[in-house]
């Protein structure tokens, strides 16, 4: 996905042209990865453009910043509204939203406290993260030789820029091995997550997903799937998953704001189930996209409409 370089970006409360959204080369974030961010999607629903679970994402951004002692000068309500306004200013009907808080320019050194906390929000059109056919056909992945960050090293519950250096190694290795994505194990050798996705397996009609202490990010789409599964009468278990359980699972799939619900067809050249999207994954996808399209009542208040005239009509 290449940027078009058009539109406006929200930076510290003001809109600037895309080409002018710049920071100094000596900003702390460039040298030390000191940023926290979110990935959010806005969908074109039957009732107008709506952002999916914006409030949950904004709260997670705040929690990530709190873990890293980054007090940015905006309330959750202000960030929430700024995300919506950035979509409006760019007149988009469907897009990806990237709010990021980062330590900016003042001094360099491991101690970040002299540096200001800057905040920016960008939006752009972005298709299916793992490919347009992935949602139906599934993707081929491998178990990475790179483990996920261990507890008490970097906080996995924070969506921090520095953590994604680990993710890059996982992703690059997977691509070098001819796969679309990699699955990392935690420091105990159990399944953790993908480079940017949570993992679920299906076994005997039940969903199993790694717990928080497996060095996973508390995914909002992960939580959504768990909520939908309960609604549909599918039992969900949070438990450690040994590597070999991936190979003998009935189904395996990724979840994430970018990946949505993406089935995994093959792991380490071993076909998962029948080597295609499984029935429970398909049922969950169908229900998930029914909520995203506005085709079922929004009983969980997951949709926040962007344009007031569409919200009124809805």
C-alpha atoms as a PDB file:
ATOM      1  CA  UNK A   1       0.000   0.000   0.000  1.00  0.00           C
ATOM      2  CA  UNK A   2       1.563   3.286  -1.158  1.00  0.00           C
ATOM      3  CA  UNK A   3       0.343   6.646   0.096  1.00  0.00           C
ATOM      4  CA  UNK A   4      -1.184   9.074  -2.387  1.00  0.00           C
ATOM      5  CA  UNK A   5       0.192  11.983  -0.374  1.00  0.00           C
ATOM      6  CA  UNK A   6      -3.072  13.906  -0.503  1.00  0.00           C
ATOM      7  CA  UNK A   7      -5.399  15.357   2.100  1.00  0.00           C
ATOM      8  CA  UNK A   8      -4.911  16.778   5.564  1.00  0.00           C
ATOM      9  CA  UNK A   9      -3.480  15.408   8.796  1.00  0.00           C
ATOM     10  CA  UNK A  10      -4.458  16.517  12.303  1.00  0.00           C
ATOM     11  CA  UNK A  11      -1.357  17.541  14.265  1.00  0.00           C
ATOM     12  CA  UNK A  12      -1.595  18.914  17.790  1.00  0.00           C
ATOM     13  CA  UNK A  13      -5.058  20.326  17.240  1.00  0.00           C
ATOM     14  CA  UNK A  14      -4.563  21.796  13.763  1.00  0.00           C
ATOM     15  CA  UNK A  15      -4.984  20.444  10.252  1.00  0.00           C
ATOM     16  CA  UNK A  16      -1.944  20.588   8.006  1.00  0.00           C
ATOM     17  CA  UNK A  17      -1.424  19.519   4.421  1.00  0.00           C
ATOM     18  CA  UNK A  18      -0.221  15.930   4.034  1.00  0.00           C
ATOM     19  CA  UNK A  19       3.130  17.065   2.602  1.00  0.00           C
ATOM     20  CA  UNK A  20       3.681  19.432   5.533  1.00  0.00           C
ATOM     21  CA  UNK A  21       3.036  16.897   8.328  1.00  0.00           C
ATOM     22  CA  UNK A  22       6.695  16.724   9.381  1.00  0.00           C
ATOM     23  CA  UNK A  23       8.767  16.287  12.526  1.00  0.00           C
ATOM     24  CA  UNK A  24      12.412  17.076  13.251  1.00  0.00           C
ATOM     25  CA  UNK A  25      14.995  14.372  12.548  1.00  0.00           C
ATOM     26  CA  UNK A  26      16.150  14.650  16.167  1.00  0.00           C
ATOM     27  CA  UNK A  27      12.704  13.981  17.594  1.00  0.00           C
ATOM     28  CA  UNK A  28      12.917  11.455  20.410  1.00  0.00           C
ATOM     29  CA  UNK A  29      10.521   9.041  18.703  1.00  0.00           C
ATOM     30  CA  UNK A  30      12.839   8.539  15.730  1.00  0.00           C
ATOM     31  CA  UNK A  31      15.758   7.438  17.869  1.00  0.00           C
ATOM     32  CA  UNK A  32      13.990   5.465  20.603  1.00  0.00           C
ATOM     33  CA  UNK A  33      10.643   4.307  19.207  1.00  0.00           C
ATOM     34  CA  UNK A  34       8.783   6.329  21.844  1.00  0.00           C
ATOM     35  CA  UNK A  35       5.281   6.352  20.382  1.00  0.00           C
ATOM     36  CA  UNK A  36       1.918   4.750  21.050  1.00  0.00           C
ATOM     37  CA  UNK A  37      -0.708   4.431  18.374  1.00  0.00           C
ATOM     38  CA  UNK A  38      -3.957   2.861  17.203  1.00  0.00           C
ATOM     39  CA  UNK A  39      -5.263   1.330  13.989  1.00  0.00           C
ATOM     40  CA  UNK A  40      -8.967   1.912  13.399  1.00  0.00           C
ATOM     41  CA  UNK A  41     -11.328   1.428  10.475  1.00  0.00           C
ATOM     42  CA  UNK A  42     -14.253   3.446   9.193  1.00  0.00           C
ATOM     43  CA  UNK A  43     -16.745   1.540   7.051  1.00  0.00           C
ATOM     44  CA  UNK A  44     -19.328   2.552   4.502  1.00  0.00           C
ATOM     45  CA  UNK A  45     -22.466   1.113   6.079  1.00  0.00           C
ATOM     46  CA  UNK A  46     -26.042   1.012   4.846  1.00  0.00           C
ATOM     47  CA  UNK A  47     -26.720   4.010   7.121  1.00  0.00           C
ATOM     48  CA  UNK A  48     -23.639   6.058   6.312  1.00  0.00           C
ATOM     49  CA  UNK A  49     -19.941   6.130   7.161  1.00  0.00           C
ATOM     50  CA  UNK A  50     -19.245   4.786  10.642  1.00  0.00           C
ATOM     51  CA  UNK A  51     -16.099   4.142  12.673  1.00  0.00           C
ATOM     52  CA  UNK A  52     -15.974   0.728  14.321  1.00  0.00           C
ATOM     53  CA  UNK A  53     -15.430   0.809  18.095  1.00  0.00           C
ATOM     54  CA  UNK A  54     -13.746   4.207  18.086  1.00  0.00           C
ATOM     55  CA  UNK A  55     -14.269   4.707  21.824  1.00  0.00           C
ATOM     56  CA  UNK A  56     -12.504   1.447  22.671  1.00  0.00           C
ATOM     57  CA  UNK A  57      -9.543   2.376  20.477  1.00  0.00           C
ATOM     58  CA  UNK A  58      -9.240   5.854  21.979  1.00  0.00           C
ATOM     59  CA  UNK A  59      -9.309   4.387  25.497  1.00  0.00           C
ATOM     60  CA  UNK A  60      -6.612   1.866  24.572  1.00  0.00           C
ATOM     61  CA  UNK A  61      -4.436   4.665  23.179  1.00  0.00           C
ATOM     62  CA  UNK A  62      -4.779   6.463  26.504  1.00  0.00           C
ATOM     63  CA  UNK A  63      -3.890   3.292  28.438  1.00  0.00           C
ATOM     64  CA  UNK A  64      -0.837   2.644  26.245  1.00  0.00           C
ATOM     65  CA  UNK A  65       0.326   6.199  26.899  1.00  0.00           C
ATOM     66  CA  UNK A  66      -0.251   5.795  30.632  1.00  0.00           C
ATOM     67  CA  UNK A  67       1.958   2.695  30.764  1.00  0.00           C
ATOM     68  CA  UNK A  68       4.766   4.699  29.143  1.00  0.00           C
ATOM     69  CA  UNK A  69       4.131   7.785  31.307  1.00  0.00           C
ATOM     70  CA  UNK A  70       3.142   9.818  28.261  1.00  0.00           C
ATOM     71  CA  UNK A  71       0.592  12.419  29.330  1.00  0.00           C
ATOM     72  CA  UNK A  72      -0.682  14.040  26.156  1.00  0.00           C
ATOM     73  CA  UNK A  73      -2.726  17.243  26.498  1.00  0.00           C
ATOM     74  CA  UNK A  74      -5.997  15.928  25.065  1.00  0.00           C
ATOM     75  CA  UNK A  75      -8.945  14.176  26.636  1.00  0.00           C
ATOM     76  CA  UNK A  76     -10.393  10.966  25.226  1.00  0.00           C
ATOM     77  CA  UNK A  77     -13.374  13.002  24.059  1.00  0.00           C
ATOM     78  CA  UNK A  78     -11.114  15.406  22.151  1.00  0.00           C
ATOM     79  CA  UNK A  79      -9.189  12.577  20.453  1.00  0.00           C
ATOM     80  CA  UNK A  80     -12.485  10.846  19.625  1.00  0.00           C
ATOM     81  CA  UNK A  81     -13.895  13.952  17.945  1.00  0.00           C
ATOM     82  CA  UNK A  82     -10.577  14.742  16.217  1.00  0.00           C
ATOM     83  CA  UNK A  83     -10.649  11.304  14.554  1.00  0.00           C
ATOM     84  CA  UNK A  84     -14.146  11.944  13.217  1.00  0.00           C
ATOM     85  CA  UNK A  85     -13.275  15.466  12.089  1.00  0.00           C
ATOM     86  CA  UNK A  86     -10.160  14.241  10.259  1.00  0.00           C
ATOM     87  CA  UNK A  87     -12.344  11.887   8.226  1.00  0.00           C
ATOM     88  CA  UNK A  88     -14.779  14.727   7.480  1.00  0.00           C
ATOM     89  CA  UNK A  89     -12.028  17.143   6.439  1.00  0.00           C
ATOM     90  CA  UNK A  90     -10.708  14.531   4.006  1.00  0.00           C
ATOM     91  CA  UNK A  91     -14.232  13.681   2.820  1.00  0.00           C
ATOM     92  CA  UNK A  92     -13.707   9.922   3.018  1.00  0.00           C
ATOM     93  CA  UNK A  93     -16.470   7.337   3.086  1.00  0.00           C
ATOM     94  CA  UNK A  94     -14.297   4.380   4.078  1.00  0.00           C
ATOM     95  CA  UNK A  95     -10.800   4.562   5.512  1.00  0.00           C
ATOM     96  CA  UNK A  96      -8.122   3.513   7.976  1.00  0.00           C
ATOM     97  CA  UNK A  97      -7.440   5.840  10.910  1.00  0.00           C
ATOM     98  CA  UNK A  98      -4.055   6.179  12.589  1.00  0.00           C
ATOM     99  CA  UNK A  99      -3.842   8.299  15.772  1.00  0.00           C
ATOM    100  CA  UNK A 100      -0.333   8.401  17.201  1.00  0.00           C
ATOM    101  CA  UNK A 101       1.132  10.049  20.286  1.00  0.00           C
ATOM    102  CA  UNK A 102       4.890  10.441  20.297  1.00  0.00           C
ATOM    103  CA  UNK A 103       7.750  12.116  22.099  1.00  0.00           C
ATOM    104  CA  UNK A 104       8.851  15.008  19.980  1.00  0.00           C
ATOM    105  CA  UNK A 105      11.783  17.386  19.589  1.00  0.00           C
ATOM    106  CA  UNK A 106      13.704  18.911  22.473  1.00  0.00           C
ATOM    107  CA  UNK A 107      16.639  16.726  23.564  1.00  0.00           C
ATOM    108  CA  UNK A 108      18.099  13.271  23.050  1.00  0.00           C
ATOM    109  CA  UNK A 109      18.932  10.727  25.685  1.00  0.00           C
ATOM    110  CA  UNK A 110      17.235   7.707  27.191  1.00  0.00           C
ATOM    111  CA  UNK A 111      15.340   9.947  29.630  1.00  0.00           C
ATOM    112  CA  UNK A 112      12.409  11.156  27.521  1.00  0.00           C
ATOM    113  CA  UNK A 113      10.882  13.525  30.067  1.00  0.00           C
ATOM    114  CA  UNK A 114      12.244  16.801  28.567  1.00  0.00           C
ATOM    115  CA  UNK A 115      10.525  16.074  25.237  1.00  0.00           C
ATOM    116  CA  UNK A 116       6.983  17.195  24.437  1.00  0.00           C
ATOM    117  CA  UNK A 117       4.200  14.693  23.754  1.00  0.00           C
ATOM    118  CA  UNK A 118       2.830  15.397  20.280  1.00  0.00           C
ATOM    119  CA  UNK A 119      -0.286  13.847  18.784  1.00  0.00           C
ATOM    120  CA  UNK A 120      -1.234  13.334  15.143  1.00  0.00           C
ATOM    121  CA  UNK A 121      -4.131  11.669  13.332  1.00  0.00           C
ATOM    122  CA  UNK A 122      -3.996  10.543   9.705  1.00  0.00           C
ATOM    123  CA  UNK A 123      -6.629   8.828   7.571  1.00  0.00           C
ATOM    124  CA  UNK A 124      -6.348   7.083   4.227  1.00  0.00           C
ATOM    125  CA  UNK A 125      -8.045   4.516   2.036  1.00  0.00           C
ATOM    126  CA  UNK A 126      -6.698   1.027   2.719  1.00  0.00           C
ATOM    127  CA  UNK A 127      -7.954  -2.274   1.369  1.00  0.00           C
ATOM    128  CA  UNK A 128      -7.733  -5.727   2.892  1.00  0.00           C
ATOM    129  CA  UNK A 129      -4.517  -5.939   4.926  1.00  0.00           C
ATOM    130  CA  UNK A 130      -3.538  -9.510   4.008  1.00  0.00           C
ATOM    131  CA  UNK A 131      -4.869  -9.378   0.444  1.00  0.00           C
ATOM    132  CA  UNK A 132      -8.337  -9.176  -1.173  1.00  0.00           C
ATOM    133  CA  UNK A 133      -8.738 -12.957  -1.412  1.00  0.00           C
ATOM    134  CA  UNK A 134      -7.545 -13.686   2.109  1.00  0.00           C
ATOM    135  CA  UNK A 135     -10.932 -13.411   3.818  1.00  0.00           C
ATOM    136  CA  UNK A 136     -12.298 -16.294   1.761  1.00  0.00           C
ATOM    137  CA  UNK A 137      -9.305 -18.414   0.806  1.00  0.00           C
ATOM    138  CA  UNK A 138      -7.156 -17.927   3.871  1.00  0.00           C
ATOM    139  CA  UNK A 139      -3.437 -17.210   4.070  1.00  0.00           C
ATOM    140  CA  UNK A 140      -0.288 -19.281   4.413  1.00  0.00           C
ATOM    141  CA  UNK A 141       1.767 -18.521   7.500  1.00  0.00           C
ATOM    142  CA  UNK A 142       4.760 -19.879   9.386  1.00  0.00           C
ATOM    143  CA  UNK A 143       5.809 -20.062  13.009  1.00  0.00           C
ATOM    144  CA  UNK A 144       8.501 -17.441  13.432  1.00  0.00           C
ATOM    145  CA  UNK A 145      11.942 -18.083  14.839  1.00  0.00           C
ATOM    146  CA  UNK A 146      11.522 -14.741  16.601  1.00  0.00           C
ATOM    147  CA  UNK A 147       9.729 -14.998  19.959  1.00  0.00           C
ATOM    148  CA  UNK A 148       7.325 -12.348  21.176  1.00  0.00           C
ATOM    149  CA  UNK A 149       8.657  -9.907  23.737  1.00  0.00           C
ATOM    150  CA  UNK A 150       8.900 -11.506  27.158  1.00  0.00           C
ATOM    151  CA  UNK A 151       7.020 -10.269  30.224  1.00  0.00           C
ATOM    152  CA  UNK A 152       8.893  -7.621  32.202  1.00  0.00           C
ATOM    153  CA  UNK A 153      10.923  -6.558  29.160  1.00  0.00           C
ATOM    154  CA  UNK A 154       8.519  -4.439  27.108  1.00  0.00           C
ATOM    155  CA  UNK A 155       4.822  -4.142  27.997  1.00  0.00           C
ATOM    156  CA  UNK A 156       2.889  -6.160  25.424  1.00  0.00           C
ATOM    157  CA  UNK A 157      -0.401  -4.609  26.549  1.00  0.00           C
ATOM    158  CA  UNK A 158       0.759  -1.226  25.242  1.00  0.00           C
ATOM    159  CA  UNK A 159       0.450  -0.627  21.503  1.00  0.00           C
ATOM    160  CA  UNK A 160       3.865   0.980  21.290  1.00  0.00           C
ATOM    161  CA  UNK A 161       5.982   1.768  18.265  1.00  0.00           C
ATOM    162  CA  UNK A 162       9.075   0.125  19.788  1.00  0.00           C
ATOM    163  CA  UNK A 163       7.224  -3.195  20.150  1.00  0.00           C
ATOM    164  CA  UNK A 164       6.726  -3.293  16.407  1.00  0.00           C
ATOM    165  CA  UNK A 165      10.425  -3.726  15.729  1.00  0.00           C
ATOM    166  CA  UNK A 166       9.786  -7.251  16.979  1.00  0.00           C
ATOM    167  CA  UNK A 167       6.769  -7.403  14.667  1.00  0.00           C
ATOM    168  CA  UNK A 168       8.868  -6.302  11.705  1.00  0.00           C
ATOM    169  CA  UNK A 169      11.324  -9.142  12.256  1.00  0.00           C
ATOM    170  CA  UNK A 170       8.435 -11.623  12.355  1.00  0.00           C
ATOM    171  CA  UNK A 171       6.881 -10.185   9.196  1.00  0.00           C
ATOM    172  CA  UNK A 172      10.134  -9.940   7.231  1.00  0.00           C
ATOM    173  CA  UNK A 173      11.096 -13.503   8.067  1.00  0.00           C
ATOM    174  CA  UNK A 174       7.658 -14.754   7.011  1.00  0.00           C
ATOM    175  CA  UNK A 175       7.901 -12.981   3.660  1.00  0.00           C
ATOM    176  CA  UNK A 176      11.428 -14.336   3.121  1.00  0.00           C
ATOM    177  CA  UNK A 177      10.020 -17.827   3.680  1.00  0.00           C
ATOM    178  CA  UNK A 178       7.277 -17.276   1.099  1.00  0.00           C
ATOM    179  CA  UNK A 179       4.468 -16.737   3.609  1.00  0.00           C
ATOM    180  CA  UNK A 180       2.034 -13.890   4.091  1.00  0.00           C
ATOM    181  CA  UNK A 181       2.440 -13.676   7.852  1.00  0.00           C
ATOM    182  CA  UNK A 182       4.203 -15.210  10.837  1.00  0.00           C
ATOM    183  CA  UNK A 183       2.982 -16.455  14.203  1.00  0.00           C
ATOM    184  CA  UNK A 184       5.273 -15.804  17.158  1.00  0.00           C
ATOM    185  CA  UNK A 185       5.587 -17.924  20.269  1.00  0.00           C
ATOM    186  CA  UNK A 186       5.907 -16.392  23.713  1.00  0.00           C
ATOM    187  CA  UNK A 187       8.944 -16.776  25.977  1.00  0.00           C
ATOM    188  CA  UNK A 188       7.528 -20.072  27.280  1.00  0.00           C
ATOM    189  CA  UNK A 189       7.150 -21.533  23.803  1.00  0.00           C
ATOM    190  CA  UNK A 190       3.374 -21.206  23.582  1.00  0.00           C
ATOM    191  CA  UNK A 191       1.477 -19.420  20.815  1.00  0.00           C
ATOM    192  CA  UNK A 192       1.395 -15.640  21.254  1.00  0.00           C
ATOM    193  CA  UNK A 193       0.193 -13.692  18.178  1.00  0.00           C
ATOM    194  CA  UNK A 194       1.039 -12.619  14.647  1.00  0.00           C
ATOM    195  CA  UNK A 195       3.111  -9.576  13.768  1.00  0.00           C
ATOM    196  CA  UNK A 196      -0.017  -7.449  14.063  1.00  0.00           C
ATOM    197  CA  UNK A 197      -2.889  -9.847  14.742  1.00  0.00           C
ATOM    198  CA  UNK A 198      -4.339 -11.956  17.531  1.00  0.00           C
ATOM    199  CA  UNK A 199      -4.756 -15.707  16.934  1.00  0.00           C
ATOM    200  CA  UNK A 200      -7.705 -18.052  17.495  1.00  0.00           C
ATOM    201  CA  UNK A 201      -7.901 -21.781  16.931  1.00  0.00           C
ATOM    202  CA  UNK A 202     -11.066 -23.847  16.592  1.00  0.00           C
ATOM    203  CA  UNK A 203     -11.100 -27.291  18.164  1.00  0.00           C
ATOM    204  CA  UNK A 204     -14.173 -29.489  18.647  1.00  0.00           C
ATOM    205  CA  UNK A 205     -16.483 -26.544  18.023  1.00  0.00           C
ATOM    206  CA  UNK A 206     -14.821 -24.276  20.599  1.00  0.00           C
ATOM    207  CA  UNK A 207     -12.651 -21.189  20.193  1.00  0.00           C
ATOM    208  CA  UNK A 208      -9.326 -21.080  22.005  1.00  0.00           C
ATOM    209  CA  UNK A 209      -7.171 -17.953  22.123  1.00  0.00           C
ATOM    210  CA  UNK A 210      -3.998 -17.117  24.086  1.00  0.00           C
ATOM    211  CA  UNK A 211      -4.426 -15.192  27.372  1.00  0.00           C
ATOM    212  CA  UNK A 212      -2.928 -11.782  28.135  1.00  0.00           C
ATOM    213  CA  UNK A 213       0.098 -13.345  29.850  1.00  0.00           C
ATOM    214  CA  UNK A 214       1.154 -14.876  26.524  1.00  0.00           C
ATOM    215  CA  UNK A 215       2.544 -11.429  25.581  1.00  0.00           C
ATOM    216  CA  UNK A 216      -0.435 -10.469  23.420  1.00  0.00           C
ATOM    217  CA  UNK A 217      -1.957  -7.089  22.708  1.00  0.00           C
ATOM    218  CA  UNK A 218      -5.519  -6.909  24.098  1.00  0.00           C
ATOM    219  CA  UNK A 219      -7.065  -6.751  20.646  1.00  0.00           C
ATOM    220  CA  UNK A 220     -10.337  -4.924  20.116  1.00  0.00           C
ATOM    221  CA  UNK A 221     -11.290  -7.196  17.221  1.00  0.00           C
ATOM    222  CA  UNK A 222     -10.275 -10.118  19.450  1.00  0.00           C
ATOM    223  CA  UNK A 223     -12.759  -8.867  22.041  1.00  0.00           C
ATOM    224  CA  UNK A 224     -15.358  -8.375  19.317  1.00  0.00           C
ATOM    225  CA  UNK A 225     -15.016 -11.967  18.144  1.00  0.00           C
ATOM    226  CA  UNK A 226     -15.303 -13.244  21.700  1.00  0.00           C
ATOM    227  CA  UNK A 227     -18.472 -11.194  22.145  1.00  0.00           C
ATOM    228  CA  UNK A 228     -19.974 -12.443  18.882  1.00  0.00           C
ATOM    229  CA  UNK A 229     -19.066 -16.046  19.693  1.00  0.00           C
ATOM    230  CA  UNK A 230     -20.928 -15.794  23.001  1.00  0.00           C
ATOM    231  CA  UNK A 231     -23.908 -14.314  21.151  1.00  0.00           C
ATOM    232  CA  UNK A 232     -23.809 -17.250  18.714  1.00  0.00           C
ATOM    233  CA  UNK A 233     -23.471 -19.909  21.392  1.00  0.00           C
ATOM    234  CA  UNK A 234     -19.829 -20.745  20.621  1.00  0.00           C
ATOM    235  CA  UNK A 235     -17.721 -21.412  23.708  1.00  0.00           C
ATOM    236  CA  UNK A 236     -14.538 -19.346  24.046  1.00  0.00           C
ATOM    237  CA  UNK A 237     -11.562 -20.417  26.136  1.00  0.00           C
ATOM    238  CA  UNK A 238      -8.522 -18.283  26.969  1.00  0.00           C
ATOM    239  CA  UNK A 239      -5.684 -20.747  27.453  1.00  0.00           C
ATOM    240  CA  UNK A 240      -2.083 -21.376  26.515  1.00  0.00           C
ATOM    241  CA  UNK A 241      -1.761 -23.018  23.098  1.00  0.00           C
ATOM    242  CA  UNK A 242       1.301 -25.202  22.394  1.00  0.00           C
ATOM    243  CA  UNK A 243       2.798 -24.859  18.933  1.00  0.00           C
ATOM    244  CA  UNK A 244       1.706 -28.317  17.770  1.00  0.00           C
ATOM    245  CA  UNK A 245      -1.932 -27.490  18.574  1.00  0.00           C
ATOM    246  CA  UNK A 246      -1.866 -25.132  15.586  1.00  0.00           C
ATOM    247  CA  UNK A 247      -1.219 -28.004  13.187  1.00  0.00           C
ATOM    248  CA  UNK A 248      -4.047 -30.228  14.436  1.00  0.00           C
ATOM    249  CA  UNK A 249      -6.627 -27.479  14.922  1.00  0.00           C
ATOM    250  CA  UNK A 250      -9.859 -27.713  12.961  1.00  0.00           C
ATOM    251  CA  UNK A 251      -9.511 -24.048  12.018  1.00  0.00           C
ATOM    252  CA  UNK A 252      -7.137 -21.172  12.755  1.00  0.00           C
ATOM    253  CA  UNK A 253      -7.724 -17.485  12.083  1.00  0.00           C
ATOM    254  CA  UNK A 254      -6.271 -14.047  12.732  1.00  0.00           C
ATOM    255  CA  UNK A 255      -8.162 -11.063  14.126  1.00  0.00           C
ATOM    256  CA  UNK A 256      -7.226  -7.392  14.021  1.00  0.00           C
ATOM    257  CA  UNK A 257      -8.493  -3.994  12.956  1.00  0.00           C
ATOM    258  CA  UNK A 258      -6.459  -4.261   9.765  1.00  0.00           C
ATOM    259  CA  UNK A 259      -6.790  -8.034   9.225  1.00  0.00           C
ATOM    260  CA  UNK A 260     -10.447  -8.153  10.418  1.00  0.00           C
ATOM    261  CA  UNK A 261     -11.126 -11.933  10.575  1.00  0.00           C
ATOM    262  CA  UNK A 262      -8.702 -13.711   8.256  1.00  0.00           C
ATOM    263  CA  UNK A 263      -8.610 -17.516   8.042  1.00  0.00           C
ATOM    264  CA  UNK A 264      -5.277 -19.345   8.016  1.00  0.00           C
ATOM    265  CA  UNK A 265      -5.120 -22.145   5.465  1.00  0.00           C
ATOM    266  CA  UNK A 266      -1.596 -23.458   6.050  1.00  0.00           C
ATOM    267  CA  UNK A 267       1.044 -23.240   8.790  1.00  0.00           C
ATOM    268  CA  UNK A 268       4.609 -24.402   8.163  1.00  0.00           C
ATOM    269  CA  UNK A 269       3.373 -26.165   5.000  1.00  0.00           C
ATOM    270  CA  UNK A 270       0.791 -28.142   6.995  1.00  0.00           C
ATOM    271  CA  UNK A 271      -2.798 -27.681   5.824  1.00  0.00           C
ATOM    272  CA  UNK A 272      -5.170 -26.521   8.550  1.00  0.00           C
ATOM    273  CA  UNK A 273      -8.438 -28.467   8.512  1.00  0.00           C
ATOM    274  CA  UNK A 274      -9.428 -28.821   4.887  1.00  0.00           C
ATOM    275  CA  UNK A 275      -6.905 -26.175   3.840  1.00  0.00           C
ATOM    276  CA  UNK A 276      -9.503 -23.451   3.398  1.00  0.00           C
ATOM    277  CA  UNK A 277     -11.802 -21.269   5.466  1.00  0.00           C
ATOM    278  CA  UNK A 278     -13.621 -23.359   8.057  1.00  0.00           C
ATOM    279  CA  UNK A 279     -17.337 -23.186   8.927  1.00  0.00           C
ATOM    280  CA  UNK A 280     -16.998 -21.468  12.307  1.00  0.00           C
ATOM    281  CA  UNK A 281     -14.617 -18.865  10.892  1.00  0.00           C
ATOM    282  CA  UNK A 282     -17.103 -18.233   8.089  1.00  0.00           C
ATOM    283  CA  UNK A 283     -19.996 -17.869  10.543  1.00  0.00           C
ATOM    284  CA  UNK A 284     -18.041 -15.391  12.643  1.00  0.00           C
ATOM    285  CA  UNK A 285     -16.994 -13.430   9.557  1.00  0.00           C
ATOM    286  CA  UNK A 286     -20.592 -13.228   8.377  1.00  0.00           C
ATOM    287  CA  UNK A 287     -21.816 -11.934  11.722  1.00  0.00           C
ATOM    288  CA  UNK A 288     -18.883  -9.528  12.035  1.00  0.00           C
ATOM    289  CA  UNK A 289     -19.512  -7.954   8.654  1.00  0.00           C
ATOM    290  CA  UNK A 290     -23.248  -7.764   9.319  1.00  0.00           C
ATOM    291  CA  UNK A 291     -22.428  -5.431  12.202  1.00  0.00           C
ATOM    292  CA  UNK A 292     -19.896  -3.492  10.128  1.00  0.00           C
ATOM    293  CA  UNK A 293     -22.361  -2.982   7.268  1.00  0.00           C
ATOM    294  CA  UNK A 294     -25.204  -1.906   9.533  1.00  0.00           C
ATOM    295  CA  UNK A 295     -27.362  -4.820   8.393  1.00  0.00           C
ATOM    296  CA  UNK A 296     -28.152  -5.845  11.991  1.00  0.00           C
ATOM    297  CA  UNK A 297     -29.104  -3.621  14.955  1.00  0.00           C
ATOM    298  CA  UNK A 298     -26.036  -2.116  16.650  1.00  0.00           C
ATOM    299  CA  UNK A 299     -26.898  -3.569  20.052  1.00  0.00           C
ATOM    300  CA  UNK A 300     -23.367  -3.024  21.375  1.00  0.00           C
ATOM    301  CA  UNK A 301     -23.089   0.605  20.196  1.00  0.00           C
ATOM    302  CA  UNK A 302     -20.014  -0.275  18.179  1.00  0.00           C
ATOM    303  CA  UNK A 303     -20.642   2.200  15.335  1.00  0.00           C
ATOM    304  CA  UNK A 304     -20.004   5.931  15.518  1.00  0.00           C
ATOM    305  CA  UNK A 305     -21.321   7.763  12.486  1.00  0.00           C
ATOM    306  CA  UNK A 306     -19.058  10.344  10.924  1.00  0.00           C
ATOM    307  CA  UNK A 307     -21.425  12.626   9.046  1.00  0.00           C
ATOM    308  CA  UNK A 308     -24.308  14.082  11.048  1.00  0.00           C
ATOM    309  CA  UNK A 309     -26.745  14.065   8.131  1.00  0.00           C
ATOM    310  CA  UNK A 310     -26.206  10.316   7.700  1.00  0.00           C
ATOM    311  CA  UNK A 311     -26.663   9.724  11.399  1.00  0.00           C
ATOM    312  CA  UNK A 312     -29.970  11.574  11.337  1.00  0.00           C
ATOM    313  CA  UNK A 313     -31.146   9.510   8.377  1.00  0.00           C
ATOM    314  CA  UNK A 314     -30.099   6.337  10.155  1.00  0.00           C
END
